[in-house]
Structure formats: structure tokens, C-alpha cells
Amino acid sequence: MLTALLRLFAKLPLAWLHSAGAMLGWLTYHASPSYANRLRENLYLGGAWHNQGEFNKILKINMLEAGKASAELAGIWFKPQIEVAGWVRKVYGWDVVEDARSHGRGLILLTPHIGCFEIISQYLSLQFPLTALYRSPRYASLEPAMRAGRTRPDMRLAPADVRGVRLLLKALKKGEAVGILPDQVPAQGDGEWANFFGRPAYTMTLAARLAQRTRAPVVITYAIRLPRGAGYEISFEAMPPPDPEESPARHLNRALENVIRRFPEQYVWSYNRYKAPTGARDISDQAE
């Protein structure tokens, strides 16, 4: 039922989807106090603003962008892949990808929750095979639609469990690319506490472990949503060098912070980034 409904909405132009999404974002923010409070708190503590006026401006834009992120999924998932890839208007840093792949050790792509992260795998899997790690959605009814929308000829899905990690390793050993959402809260035992915008956040260690085991280069990628449904711009950036005194988890979070500070309007601040996974000691409200 949901898949059929999304396929119907997918017939709409991107500009229409974004207009409807902006309205959805506004309604969600004003209808859910818990959602609105978390968005405001995370944005405020993120510090990607200089005065109250700028904070209010970013907040207003962000609530609309969050709605666009939901509405655009219909098109991203269920329009023909070549049409979706055509929404990518510019690509920055493609030489970074080509250089990383030239070593033949595979490629680890880190895609934070900023802009339209869903379009990146759709675009890249037209260029080369890609295995993307995914976590089942909170609502089970969404999974059939999500799997249907993300299944493309050269895009494979790997569940966020031991079997999925094996699939990622297998792809890297074949010299292929893998995609990971690095700012999701991992399961207990799959991460460590590290500061994220000045607050301890349980942070995945998978990307660092994969890179260490396979020597695959790591690249950060993100897709920024253009105004008025004009499409997207995708950027690729080499992972910055680590500070010898910081942990791999803190190194990851620092790299993500650098990107998010440039585009705070399109980061998913409403995500509960500071929660503790089941079984982990919650230190999210303590200083590191």
C-alpha cells in the first residue's frame, strides 16, 4: 500500500515534491513539541550560528528542509534511476573519487545526514558497483518501500549486522565501493563515546576498522539541495588527516562537523544523535 502510494507521488515534478515537503516540515515542527525541542536544542548546541537572528533563520529553513527530505523520497526511490541521476546538476571533487579508486583497494564513502543523502547512492551506482549499509526503519511498514526504492542494478544493500559487515568487506576486497551513514547511533559494542559539537555522542567505529583492515581510502560525500526544486549538487572530499592525539571516533566526528558547519540549514538536527544504545552506559549528558 505504502509502496504504491509513493510510486504515485513519484510522478510529481521535484519542485512539487519539495513544495509539499516544505509544508510537511512546517506542520511537523508545529505539531510535535518533542520533535521541535530536539531540533532547536541540537541546532543551538551545534553552534553553527553567530547571533540569535542567524539562529532563527537557520531554524526556519531547517524545519522546511526536513520536510523536503521526506517528500523527495518518492521521486528518488521510484522514478527511473537515470532520471534521478539527472537531478544532479553539479559534482565537485570527482577527482578525489577517481584517485581513491585508482589504488584498487576499494572505496569507503561516508554520507552524513545532510541534504539529500539518498540521491548519492542512486547517482554513484550508475558509475560503479556500490554496497550500502542500511538499518531497518523504526516502522516495519516502511521497509518494503525502502528496499524497493533502493534496489538498483549495481546497488546492493547490506544490513547493519555481522552479515552486512561481511558484505562490505567482500566488496572492498573486490576493489568496489561501500557506503555508510557515519552519524547514525550504532548498536552497543559497535561504537565509542566521542564529542560531537561539544557533547558526547556514541559514535560508530566501523568505518575506521574497515579502513584499517583493507587500507581502503575514505571519502566524505554529501548532496546539497538546491532551491525551488532545481536539483542537487554532490561533493566529494578526502577524509582529513587525523590528529595523533584524537580517537578514530573523534576524528570522524570532527570531519563531519566541518561539513555540517558549512551547511547547517540542511543537516538533520532533529535526529536523536546523543541517545545511548540499549545496554550502553549513557554519558551523553556528561562532559568528555
C-alpha atoms as a PDB file:
ATOM      1  CA  MET A   1       0.000   0.000   0.000  1.00  0.00           C
ATOM      2  CA  LEU A   2       2.712   2.485   1.027  1.00  0.00           C
ATOM      3  CA  THR A   3       4.908   1.499  -1.909  1.00  0.00           C
ATOM      4  CA  ALA A   4       2.017   2.044  -4.317  1.00  0.00           C
ATOM      5  CA  LEU A   5       1.313   5.460  -2.787  1.00  0.00           C
ATOM      6  CA  LEU A   6       4.967   6.508  -3.096  1.00  0.00           C
ATOM      7  CA  ARG A   7       5.028   5.355  -6.713  1.00  0.00           C
ATOM      8  CA  LEU A   8       2.027   7.610  -7.319  1.00  0.00           C
ATOM      9  CA  PHE A   9       3.719  10.625  -5.708  1.00  0.00           C
ATOM     10  CA  ALA A  10       6.873   9.870  -7.698  1.00  0.00           C
ATOM     11  CA  LYS A  11       5.071  11.059 -10.823  1.00  0.00           C
ATOM     12  CA  LEU A  12       5.157  14.623  -9.483  1.00  0.00           C
ATOM     13  CA  PRO A  13       7.964  17.011 -10.512  1.00  0.00           C
ATOM     14  CA  LEU A  14      10.740  17.524  -7.967  1.00  0.00           C
ATOM     15  CA  ALA A  15       9.701  21.148  -7.404  1.00  0.00           C
ATOM     16  CA  TRP A  16       6.201  19.995  -6.436  1.00  0.00           C
ATOM     17  CA  LEU A  17       7.578  17.366  -4.076  1.00  0.00           C
ATOM     18  CA  HIS A  18       9.755  19.979  -2.397  1.00  0.00           C
ATOM     19  CA  SER A  19       6.864  22.433  -2.082  1.00  0.00           C
ATOM     20  CA  ALA A  20       4.699  19.782  -0.442  1.00  0.00           C
ATOM     21  CA  GLY A  21       7.633  18.724   1.711  1.00  0.00           C
ATOM     22  CA  ALA A  22       8.229  22.247   2.975  1.00  0.00           C
ATOM     23  CA  MET A  23       4.624  22.392   4.137  1.00  0.00           C
ATOM     24  CA  LEU A  24       5.007  18.967   5.763  1.00  0.00           C
ATOM     25  CA  GLY A  25       8.128  20.136   7.584  1.00  0.00           C
ATOM     26  CA  TRP A  26       6.360  23.234   8.911  1.00  0.00           C
ATOM     27  CA  LEU A  27       3.374  21.185  10.108  1.00  0.00           C
ATOM     28  CA  THR A  28       5.544  18.531  11.767  1.00  0.00           C
ATOM     29  CA  TYR A  29       7.568  21.136  13.654  1.00  0.00           C
ATOM     30  CA  HIS A  30       4.482  22.887  14.993  1.00  0.00           C
ATOM     31  CA  ALA A  31       2.518  19.698  15.717  1.00  0.00           C
ATOM     32  CA  SER A  32       5.215  17.829  17.666  1.00  0.00           C
ATOM     33  CA  PRO A  33       6.722  19.661  20.656  1.00  0.00           C
ATOM     34  CA  SER A  34       9.247  16.869  21.310  1.00  0.00           C
ATOM     35  CA  TYR A  35      10.456  16.976  17.708  1.00  0.00           C
ATOM     36  CA  ALA A  36      10.672  20.765  17.735  1.00  0.00           C
ATOM     37  CA  ASN A  37      12.505  20.848  21.075  1.00  0.00           C
ATOM     38  CA  ARG A  38      15.127  18.325  19.946  1.00  0.00           C
ATOM     39  CA  LEU A  39      15.683  20.175  16.667  1.00  0.00           C
ATOM     40  CA  ARG A  40      16.109  23.520  18.436  1.00  0.00           C
ATOM     41  CA  GLU A  41      18.359  22.105  21.158  1.00  0.00           C
ATOM     42  CA  ASN A  42      20.681  20.241  18.778  1.00  0.00           C
ATOM     43  CA  LEU A  43      20.924  23.216  16.436  1.00  0.00           C
ATOM     44  CA  TYR A  44      21.565  25.600  19.323  1.00  0.00           C
ATOM     45  CA  LEU A  45      24.278  23.453  20.889  1.00  0.00           C
ATOM     46  CA  GLY A  46      25.796  22.777  17.475  1.00  0.00           C
ATOM     47  CA  GLY A  47      26.842  26.406  17.459  1.00  0.00           C
ATOM     48  CA  ALA A  48      26.761  26.763  13.655  1.00  0.00           C
ATOM     49  CA  TRP A  49      25.406  30.321  14.001  1.00  0.00           C
ATOM     50  CA  HIS A  50      26.725  33.665  15.282  1.00  0.00           C
ATOM     51  CA  ASN A  51      23.743  35.528  16.731  1.00  0.00           C
ATOM     52  CA  GLN A  52      20.088  34.981  17.596  1.00  0.00           C
ATOM     53  CA  GLY A  53      18.892  36.327  14.268  1.00  0.00           C
ATOM     54  CA  GLU A  54      21.036  33.864  12.347  1.00  0.00           C
ATOM     55  CA  PHE A  55      19.914  31.031  14.619  1.00  0.00           C
ATOM     56  CA  ASN A  56      16.242  31.835  13.957  1.00  0.00           C
ATOM     57  CA  LYS A  57      16.879  31.986  10.209  1.00  0.00           C
ATOM     58  CA  ILE A  58      18.653  28.613  10.140  1.00  0.00           C
ATOM     59  CA  LEU A  59      15.926  27.083  12.330  1.00  0.00           C
ATOM     60  CA  LYS A  60      13.168  28.252   9.984  1.00  0.00           C
ATOM     61  CA  ILE A  61      14.932  26.951   6.894  1.00  0.00           C
ATOM     62  CA  ASN A  62      15.853  23.678   8.580  1.00  0.00           C
ATOM     63  CA  MET A  63      12.284  22.776   9.509  1.00  0.00           C
ATOM     64  CA  LEU A  64      11.306  23.196   5.830  1.00  0.00           C
ATOM     65  CA  GLU A  65      14.325  21.263   4.538  1.00  0.00           C
ATOM     66  CA  ALA A  66      13.485  18.369   6.852  1.00  0.00           C
ATOM     67  CA  GLY A  67      10.079  18.097   5.231  1.00  0.00           C
ATOM     68  CA  LYS A  68      11.614  18.221   1.752  1.00  0.00           C
ATOM     69  CA  ALA A  69      13.887  15.325   2.723  1.00  0.00           C
ATOM     70  CA  SER A  70      10.838  13.168   3.419  1.00  0.00           C
ATOM     71  CA  ALA A  71       8.781  14.212   0.387  1.00  0.00           C
ATOM     72  CA  GLU A  72      11.589  13.815  -2.149  1.00  0.00           C
ATOM     73  CA  LEU A  73      11.999  10.126  -1.267  1.00  0.00           C
ATOM     74  CA  ALA A  74       9.084   9.227  -3.534  1.00  0.00           C
ATOM     75  CA  GLY A  75      10.934  10.564  -6.556  1.00  0.00           C
ATOM     76  CA  ILE A  76      14.397   9.415  -5.502  1.00  0.00           C
ATOM     77  CA  TRP A  77      13.197   5.860  -4.948  1.00  0.00           C
ATOM     78  CA  PHE A  78      10.621   5.333  -7.675  1.00  0.00           C
ATOM     79  CA  LYS A  79      11.463   7.465 -10.681  1.00  0.00           C
ATOM     80  CA  PRO A  80      13.739   5.828 -13.281  1.00  0.00           C
ATOM     81  CA  GLN A  81      17.301   5.874 -11.975  1.00  0.00           C
ATOM     82  CA  ILE A  82      18.675   7.756 -14.979  1.00  0.00           C
ATOM     83  CA  GLU A  83      16.083  10.498 -14.397  1.00  0.00           C
ATOM     84  CA  VAL A  84      17.004  10.744 -10.713  1.00  0.00           C
ATOM     85  CA  ALA A  85      20.702  10.994 -11.622  1.00  0.00           C
ATOM     86  CA  GLY A  86      19.785  13.853 -13.951  1.00  0.00           C
ATOM     87  CA  TRP A  87      18.727  15.888 -10.927  1.00  0.00           C
ATOM     88  CA  VAL A  88      22.414  16.136 -10.007  1.00  0.00           C
ATOM     89  CA  ARG A  89      23.363  19.494 -11.521  1.00  0.00           C
ATOM     90  CA  LYS A  90      26.994  19.686 -10.436  1.00  0.00           C
ATOM     91  CA  VAL A  91      29.596  17.342  -8.983  1.00  0.00           C
ATOM     92  CA  TYR A  92      32.551  18.685  -7.016  1.00  0.00           C
ATOM     93  CA  GLY A  93      35.634  16.643  -6.206  1.00  0.00           C
ATOM     94  CA  TRP A  94      35.153  13.784  -8.658  1.00  0.00           C
ATOM     95  CA  ASP A  95      38.934  13.671  -8.997  1.00  0.00           C
ATOM     96  CA  VAL A  96      39.030  12.652  -5.327  1.00  0.00           C
ATOM     97  CA  VAL A  97      36.891   9.603  -6.163  1.00  0.00           C
ATOM     98  CA  GLU A  98      38.955   8.684  -9.201  1.00  0.00           C
ATOM     99  CA  ASP A  99      42.198   8.959  -7.258  1.00  0.00           C
ATOM    100  CA  ALA A 100      40.827   6.858  -4.389  1.00  0.00           C
ATOM    101  CA  ARG A 101      39.607   4.124  -6.734  1.00  0.00           C
ATOM    102  CA  SER A 102      42.876   4.058  -8.687  1.00  0.00           C
ATOM    103  CA  HIS A 103      44.627   2.295  -5.788  1.00  0.00           C
ATOM    104  CA  GLY A 104      42.458  -0.800  -6.255  1.00  0.00           C
ATOM    105  CA  ARG A 105      41.719  -1.236  -2.558  1.00  0.00           C
ATOM    106  CA  GLY A 106      38.075  -0.281  -2.735  1.00  0.00           C
ATOM    107  CA  LEU A 107      36.493   2.918  -1.517  1.00  0.00           C
ATOM    108  CA  ILE A 108      34.687   3.796   1.733  1.00  0.00           C
ATOM    109  CA  LEU A 109      32.139   6.564   1.224  1.00  0.00           C
ATOM    110  CA  LEU A 110      30.804   8.306   4.305  1.00  0.00           C
ATOM    111  CA  THR A 111      27.491  10.079   3.778  1.00  0.00           C
ATOM    112  CA  PRO A 112      26.243  12.117   6.752  1.00  0.00           C
ATOM    113  CA  HIS A 113      22.588  13.052   7.231  1.00  0.00           C
ATOM    114  CA  ILE A 114      22.831  16.307   5.354  1.00  0.00           C
ATOM    115  CA  GLY A 115      20.867  17.401   2.307  1.00  0.00           C
ATOM    116  CA  CYS A 116      19.627  14.559   0.102  1.00  0.00           C
ATOM    117  CA  PHE A 117      21.929  11.712   1.105  1.00  0.00           C
ATOM    118  CA  GLU A 118      19.633   9.222  -0.666  1.00  0.00           C
ATOM    119  CA  ILE A 119      20.484  10.520  -4.135  1.00  0.00           C
ATOM    120  CA  ILE A 120      24.200   9.824  -3.750  1.00  0.00           C
ATOM    121  CA  SER A 121      23.926   6.047  -3.958  1.00  0.00           C
ATOM    122  CA  GLN A 122      21.455   6.352  -6.838  1.00  0.00           C
ATOM    123  CA  TYR A 123      23.936   8.515  -8.746  1.00  0.00           C
ATOM    124  CA  LEU A 124      27.070   6.549  -7.892  1.00  0.00           C
ATOM    125  CA  SER A 125      25.680   3.115  -8.677  1.00  0.00           C
ATOM    126  CA  LEU A 126      25.399   4.267 -12.294  1.00  0.00           C
ATOM    127  CA  GLN A 127      29.167   4.848 -12.228  1.00  0.00           C
ATOM    128  CA  PHE A 128      30.339   1.689 -10.432  1.00  0.00           C
ATOM    129  CA  PRO A 129      29.000  -1.075  -8.144  1.00  0.00           C
ATOM    130  CA  LEU A 130      28.119   0.141  -4.646  1.00  0.00           C
ATOM    131  CA  THR A 131      27.206  -1.758  -1.486  1.00  0.00           C
ATOM    132  CA  ALA A 132      25.355   0.420   1.017  1.00  0.00           C
ATOM    133  CA  LEU A 133      24.933  -0.364   4.701  1.00  0.00           C
ATOM    134  CA  TYR A 134      21.387   0.201   5.896  1.00  0.00           C
ATOM    135  CA  ARG A 135      19.403  -0.064   9.090  1.00  0.00           C
ATOM    136  CA  SER A 136      15.792  -1.193   9.147  1.00  0.00           C
ATOM    137  CA  PRO A 137      13.424   1.752   9.701  1.00  0.00           C
ATOM    138  CA  ARG A 138      11.683   2.245  13.015  1.00  0.00           C
ATOM    139  CA  TYR A 139       8.332   1.444  11.434  1.00  0.00           C
ATOM    140  CA  ALA A 140       8.365  -2.006   9.814  1.00  0.00           C
ATOM    141  CA  SER A 141       5.764  -0.919   7.258  1.00  0.00           C
ATOM    142  CA  LEU A 142       8.383   1.346   5.668  1.00  0.00           C
ATOM    143  CA  GLU A 143      10.913  -1.396   4.955  1.00  0.00           C
ATOM    144  CA  PRO A 144       9.334  -2.913   1.811  1.00  0.00           C
ATOM    145  CA  ALA A 145       9.103   0.553   0.236  1.00  0.00           C
ATOM    146  CA  MET A 146      12.651   1.432   1.275  1.00  0.00           C
ATOM    147  CA  ARG A 147      14.116  -1.796  -0.077  1.00  0.00           C
ATOM    148  CA  ALA A 148      12.146  -1.476  -3.320  1.00  0.00           C
ATOM    149  CA  GLY A 149      13.284   2.109  -3.786  1.00  0.00           C
ATOM    150  CA  ARG A 150      16.939   1.418  -3.026  1.00  0.00           C
ATOM    151  CA  THR A 151      17.247  -1.717  -5.144  1.00  0.00           C
ATOM    152  CA  ARG A 152      19.040  -0.818  -8.377  1.00  0.00           C
ATOM    153  CA  PRO A 153      21.108  -2.956 -10.785  1.00  0.00           C
ATOM    154  CA  ASP A 154      24.521  -2.037  -9.328  1.00  0.00           C
ATOM    155  CA  MET A 155      23.433  -1.046  -5.814  1.00  0.00           C
ATOM    156  CA  ARG A 156      23.375  -3.738  -3.134  1.00  0.00           C
ATOM    157  CA  LEU A 157      22.073  -3.377   0.393  1.00  0.00           C
ATOM    158  CA  ALA A 158      23.925  -4.680   3.441  1.00  0.00           C
ATOM    159  CA  PRO A 159      22.020  -4.906   6.753  1.00  0.00           C
ATOM    160  CA  ALA A 160      23.603  -3.274   9.793  1.00  0.00           C
ATOM    161  CA  ASP A 161      24.676  -6.543  11.393  1.00  0.00           C
ATOM    162  CA  VAL A 162      27.506  -9.074  11.184  1.00  0.00           C
ATOM    163  CA  ARG A 163      26.295 -10.347   7.813  1.00  0.00           C
ATOM    164  CA  GLY A 164      26.227  -6.810   6.471  1.00  0.00           C
ATOM    165  CA  VAL A 165      29.771  -6.104   7.628  1.00  0.00           C
ATOM    166  CA  ARG A 166      30.915  -9.236   5.804  1.00  0.00           C
ATOM    167  CA  LEU A 167      29.254  -7.970   2.645  1.00  0.00           C
ATOM    168  CA  LEU A 168      31.091  -4.651   3.000  1.00  0.00           C
ATOM    169  CA  LEU A 169      34.410  -6.437   3.465  1.00  0.00           C
ATOM    170  CA  LYS A 170      33.749  -8.648   0.469  1.00  0.00           C
ATOM    171  CA  ALA A 171      33.011  -5.619  -1.712  1.00  0.00           C
ATOM    172  CA  LEU A 172      36.138  -3.773  -0.564  1.00  0.00           C
ATOM    173  CA  LYS A 173      38.343  -6.794  -1.188  1.00  0.00           C
ATOM    174  CA  LYS A 174      36.975  -6.849  -4.752  1.00  0.00           C
ATOM    175  CA  GLY A 175      38.011  -3.203  -5.118  1.00  0.00           C
ATOM    176  CA  GLU A 176      34.428  -1.928  -5.039  1.00  0.00           C
ATOM    177  CA  ALA A 177      32.841   0.968  -3.162  1.00  0.00           C
ATOM    178  CA  VAL A 178      30.798   0.827   0.030  1.00  0.00           C
ATOM    179  CA  GLY A 179      28.548   3.488   1.527  1.00  0.00           C
ATOM    180  CA  ILE A 180      27.983   4.158   5.225  1.00  0.00           C
ATOM    181  CA  LEU A 181      25.895   6.716   7.126  1.00  0.00           C
ATOM    182  CA  PRO A 182      28.507   7.664   9.741  1.00  0.00           C
ATOM    183  CA  ASP A 183      26.350   9.739  12.097  1.00  0.00           C
ATOM    184  CA  GLN A 184      23.815   7.066  12.985  1.00  0.00           C
ATOM    185  CA  VAL A 185      23.948   5.832  16.569  1.00  0.00           C
ATOM    186  CA  PRO A 186      25.457   2.317  16.365  1.00  0.00           C
ATOM    187  CA  ALA A 187      24.467  -0.668  18.443  1.00  0.00           C
ATOM    188  CA  GLN A 188      26.169  -1.316  21.769  1.00  0.00           C
ATOM    189  CA  GLY A 189      29.678  -2.636  21.146  1.00  0.00           C
ATOM    190  CA  ASP A 190      29.922  -1.098  17.673  1.00  0.00           C
ATOM    191  CA  GLY A 191      30.949   2.366  18.784  1.00  0.00           C
ATOM    192  CA  GLU A 192      32.546   4.542  21.412  1.00  0.00           C
ATOM    193  CA  TRP A 193      31.742   7.849  23.076  1.00  0.00           C
ATOM    194  CA  ALA A 194      33.308  10.864  21.390  1.00  0.00           C
ATOM    195  CA  ASN A 195      32.467  14.553  21.337  1.00  0.00           C
ATOM    196  CA  PHE A 196      30.168  15.742  18.567  1.00  0.00           C
ATOM    197  CA  PHE A 197      29.666  19.504  18.655  1.00  0.00           C
ATOM    198  CA  GLY A 198      30.962  19.536  22.217  1.00  0.00           C
ATOM    199  CA  ARG A 199      28.703  16.775  23.583  1.00  0.00           C
ATOM    200  CA  PRO A 200      29.489  13.059  23.987  1.00  0.00           C
ATOM    201  CA  ALA A 201      27.786  11.026  21.254  1.00  0.00           C
ATOM    202  CA  TYR A 202      28.003   7.268  20.811  1.00  0.00           C
ATOM    203  CA  THR A 203      29.908   7.103  17.524  1.00  0.00           C
ATOM    204  CA  MET A 204      30.462   4.236  15.104  1.00  0.00           C
ATOM    205  CA  THR A 205      33.916   2.734  14.727  1.00  0.00           C
ATOM    206  CA  LEU A 206      33.052   0.564  11.710  1.00  0.00           C
ATOM    207  CA  ALA A 207      34.455   2.882   9.039  1.00  0.00           C
ATOM    208  CA  ALA A 208      37.801   3.179  10.807  1.00  0.00           C
ATOM    209  CA  ARG A 209      38.005  -0.599  11.323  1.00  0.00           C
ATOM    210  CA  LEU A 210      37.209  -1.285   7.663  1.00  0.00           C
ATOM    211  CA  ALA A 211      39.801   1.237   6.522  1.00  0.00           C
ATOM    212  CA  GLN A 212      42.431  -0.241   8.827  1.00  0.00           C
ATOM    213  CA  ARG A 213      41.732  -3.799   7.718  1.00  0.00           C
ATOM    214  CA  THR A 214      41.539  -3.156   3.953  1.00  0.00           C
ATOM    215  CA  ARG A 215      43.577   0.069   3.588  1.00  0.00           C
ATOM    216  CA  ALA A 216      40.695   1.414   1.509  1.00  0.00           C
ATOM    217  CA  PRO A 217      40.665   5.220   1.227  1.00  0.00           C
ATOM    218  CA  VAL A 218      37.857   7.110   2.941  1.00  0.00           C
ATOM    219  CA  VAL A 219      35.901   9.881   1.220  1.00  0.00           C
ATOM    220  CA  ILE A 220      33.148  12.077   2.666  1.00  0.00           C
ATOM    221  CA  THR A 221      30.286  12.846   0.297  1.00  0.00           C
ATOM    222  CA  TYR A 222      27.123  14.914   0.590  1.00  0.00           C
ATOM    223  CA  ALA A 223      24.380  16.244  -1.703  1.00  0.00           C
ATOM    224  CA  ILE A 224      23.084  19.760  -1.109  1.00  0.00           C
ATOM    225  CA  ARG A 225      19.503  20.510  -2.091  1.00  0.00           C
ATOM    226  CA  LEU A 226      19.145  23.469  -4.483  1.00  0.00           C
ATOM    227  CA  PRO A 227      16.298  25.984  -4.049  1.00  0.00           C
ATOM    228  CA  ARG A 228      12.945  25.784  -5.865  1.00  0.00           C
ATOM    229  CA  GLY A 229      13.348  22.115  -6.793  1.00  0.00           C
ATOM    230  CA  ALA A 230      16.279  22.827  -9.114  1.00  0.00           C
ATOM    231  CA  GLY A 231      18.098  19.614  -8.142  1.00  0.00           C
ATOM    232  CA  TYR A 232      21.229  18.823  -6.170  1.00  0.00           C
ATOM    233  CA  GLU A 233      24.969  19.366  -6.042  1.00  0.00           C
ATOM    234  CA  ILE A 234      27.148  16.469  -4.879  1.00  0.00           C
ATOM    235  CA  SER A 235      30.566  16.989  -3.295  1.00  0.00           C
ATOM    236  CA  PHE A 236      33.359  14.544  -2.520  1.00  0.00           C
ATOM    237  CA  GLU A 237      36.133  15.322  -0.043  1.00  0.00           C
ATOM    238  CA  ALA A 238      39.037  13.192   1.131  1.00  0.00           C
ATOM    239  CA  MET A 239      38.900  12.358   4.829  1.00  0.00           C
ATOM    240  CA  PRO A 240      41.100  14.915   6.617  1.00  0.00           C
ATOM    241  CA  PRO A 241      44.251  13.604   8.318  1.00  0.00           C
ATOM    242  CA  PRO A 242      43.786  12.532  11.953  1.00  0.00           C
ATOM    243  CA  ASP A 243      45.221  14.304  14.945  1.00  0.00           C
ATOM    244  CA  PRO A 244      47.595  11.832  16.636  1.00  0.00           C
ATOM    245  CA  GLU A 245      46.002  12.653  19.985  1.00  0.00           C
ATOM    246  CA  GLU A 246      42.381  12.014  18.969  1.00  0.00           C
ATOM    247  CA  SER A 247      40.488   8.742  18.775  1.00  0.00           C
ATOM    248  CA  PRO A 248      39.166   7.445  15.438  1.00  0.00           C
ATOM    249  CA  ALA A 249      35.630   8.260  16.590  1.00  0.00           C
ATOM    250  CA  ARG A 250      36.550  11.842  17.434  1.00  0.00           C
ATOM    251  CA  HIS A 251      38.425  12.116  14.122  1.00  0.00           C
ATOM    252  CA  LEU A 252      35.236  11.050  12.325  1.00  0.00           C
ATOM    253  CA  ASN A 253      33.048  13.494  14.238  1.00  0.00           C
ATOM    254  CA  ARG A 254      35.458  16.363  13.609  1.00  0.00           C
ATOM    255  CA  ALA A 255      35.341  15.689   9.871  1.00  0.00           C
ATOM    256  CA  LEU A 256      31.529  15.639   9.935  1.00  0.00           C
ATOM    257  CA  GLU A 257      31.390  18.853  11.981  1.00  0.00           C
ATOM    258  CA  ASN A 258      33.483  20.616   9.331  1.00  0.00           C
ATOM    259  CA  VAL A 259      30.906  19.774   6.660  1.00  0.00           C
ATOM    260  CA  ILE A 260      27.835  20.464   8.792  1.00  0.00           C
ATOM    261  CA  ARG A 261      29.078  23.925   9.812  1.00  0.00           C
ATOM    262  CA  ARG A 262      29.110  24.863   6.127  1.00  0.00           C
ATOM    263  CA  PHE A 263      25.522  23.739   5.527  1.00  0.00           C
ATOM    264  CA  PRO A 264      23.705  23.851   8.884  1.00  0.00           C
ATOM    265  CA  GLU A 265      20.369  24.577   7.210  1.00  0.00           C
ATOM    266  CA  GLN A 266      20.280  21.092   5.656  1.00  0.00           C
ATOM    267  CA  TYR A 267      21.594  18.889   8.456  1.00  0.00           C
ATOM    268  CA  VAL A 268      19.050  16.626  10.195  1.00  0.00           C
ATOM    269  CA  TRP A 269      19.281  18.306  13.619  1.00  0.00           C
ATOM    270  CA  SER A 270      16.068  16.581  14.676  1.00  0.00           C
ATOM    271  CA  TYR A 271      17.829  13.202  14.772  1.00  0.00           C
ATOM    272  CA  ASN A 272      18.454  11.973  18.321  1.00  0.00           C
ATOM    273  CA  ARG A 273      22.222  11.834  17.834  1.00  0.00           C
ATOM    274  CA  TYR A 274      23.004  11.839  21.562  1.00  0.00           C
ATOM    275  CA  LYS A 275      20.955   8.845  22.659  1.00  0.00           C
ATOM    276  CA  ALA A 276      22.628   5.820  24.238  1.00  0.00           C
ATOM    277  CA  PRO A 277      22.070   2.458  22.524  1.00  0.00           C
ATOM    278  CA  THR A 278      20.470  -0.336  24.513  1.00  0.00           C
ATOM    279  CA  GLY A 279      22.965  -1.710  27.005  1.00  0.00           C
ATOM    280  CA  ALA A 280      25.411   1.191  26.777  1.00  0.00           C
ATOM    281  CA  ARG A 281      26.117   3.421  29.747  1.00  0.00           C
ATOM    282  CA  ASP A 282      24.582   6.800  28.997  1.00  0.00           C
ATOM    283  CA  ILE A 283      27.205   9.534  29.371  1.00  0.00           C
ATOM    284  CA  SER A 284      25.620  11.837  26.788  1.00  0.00           C
ATOM    285  CA  ASP A 285      24.895  14.489  29.380  1.00  0.00           C
ATOM    286  CA  GLN A 286      28.412  14.472  30.814  1.00  0.00           C
ATOM    287  CA  ALA A 287      31.478  16.325  29.678  1.00  0.00           C
ATOM    288  CA  GLU A 288      34.096  14.169  27.993  1.00  0.00           C
END
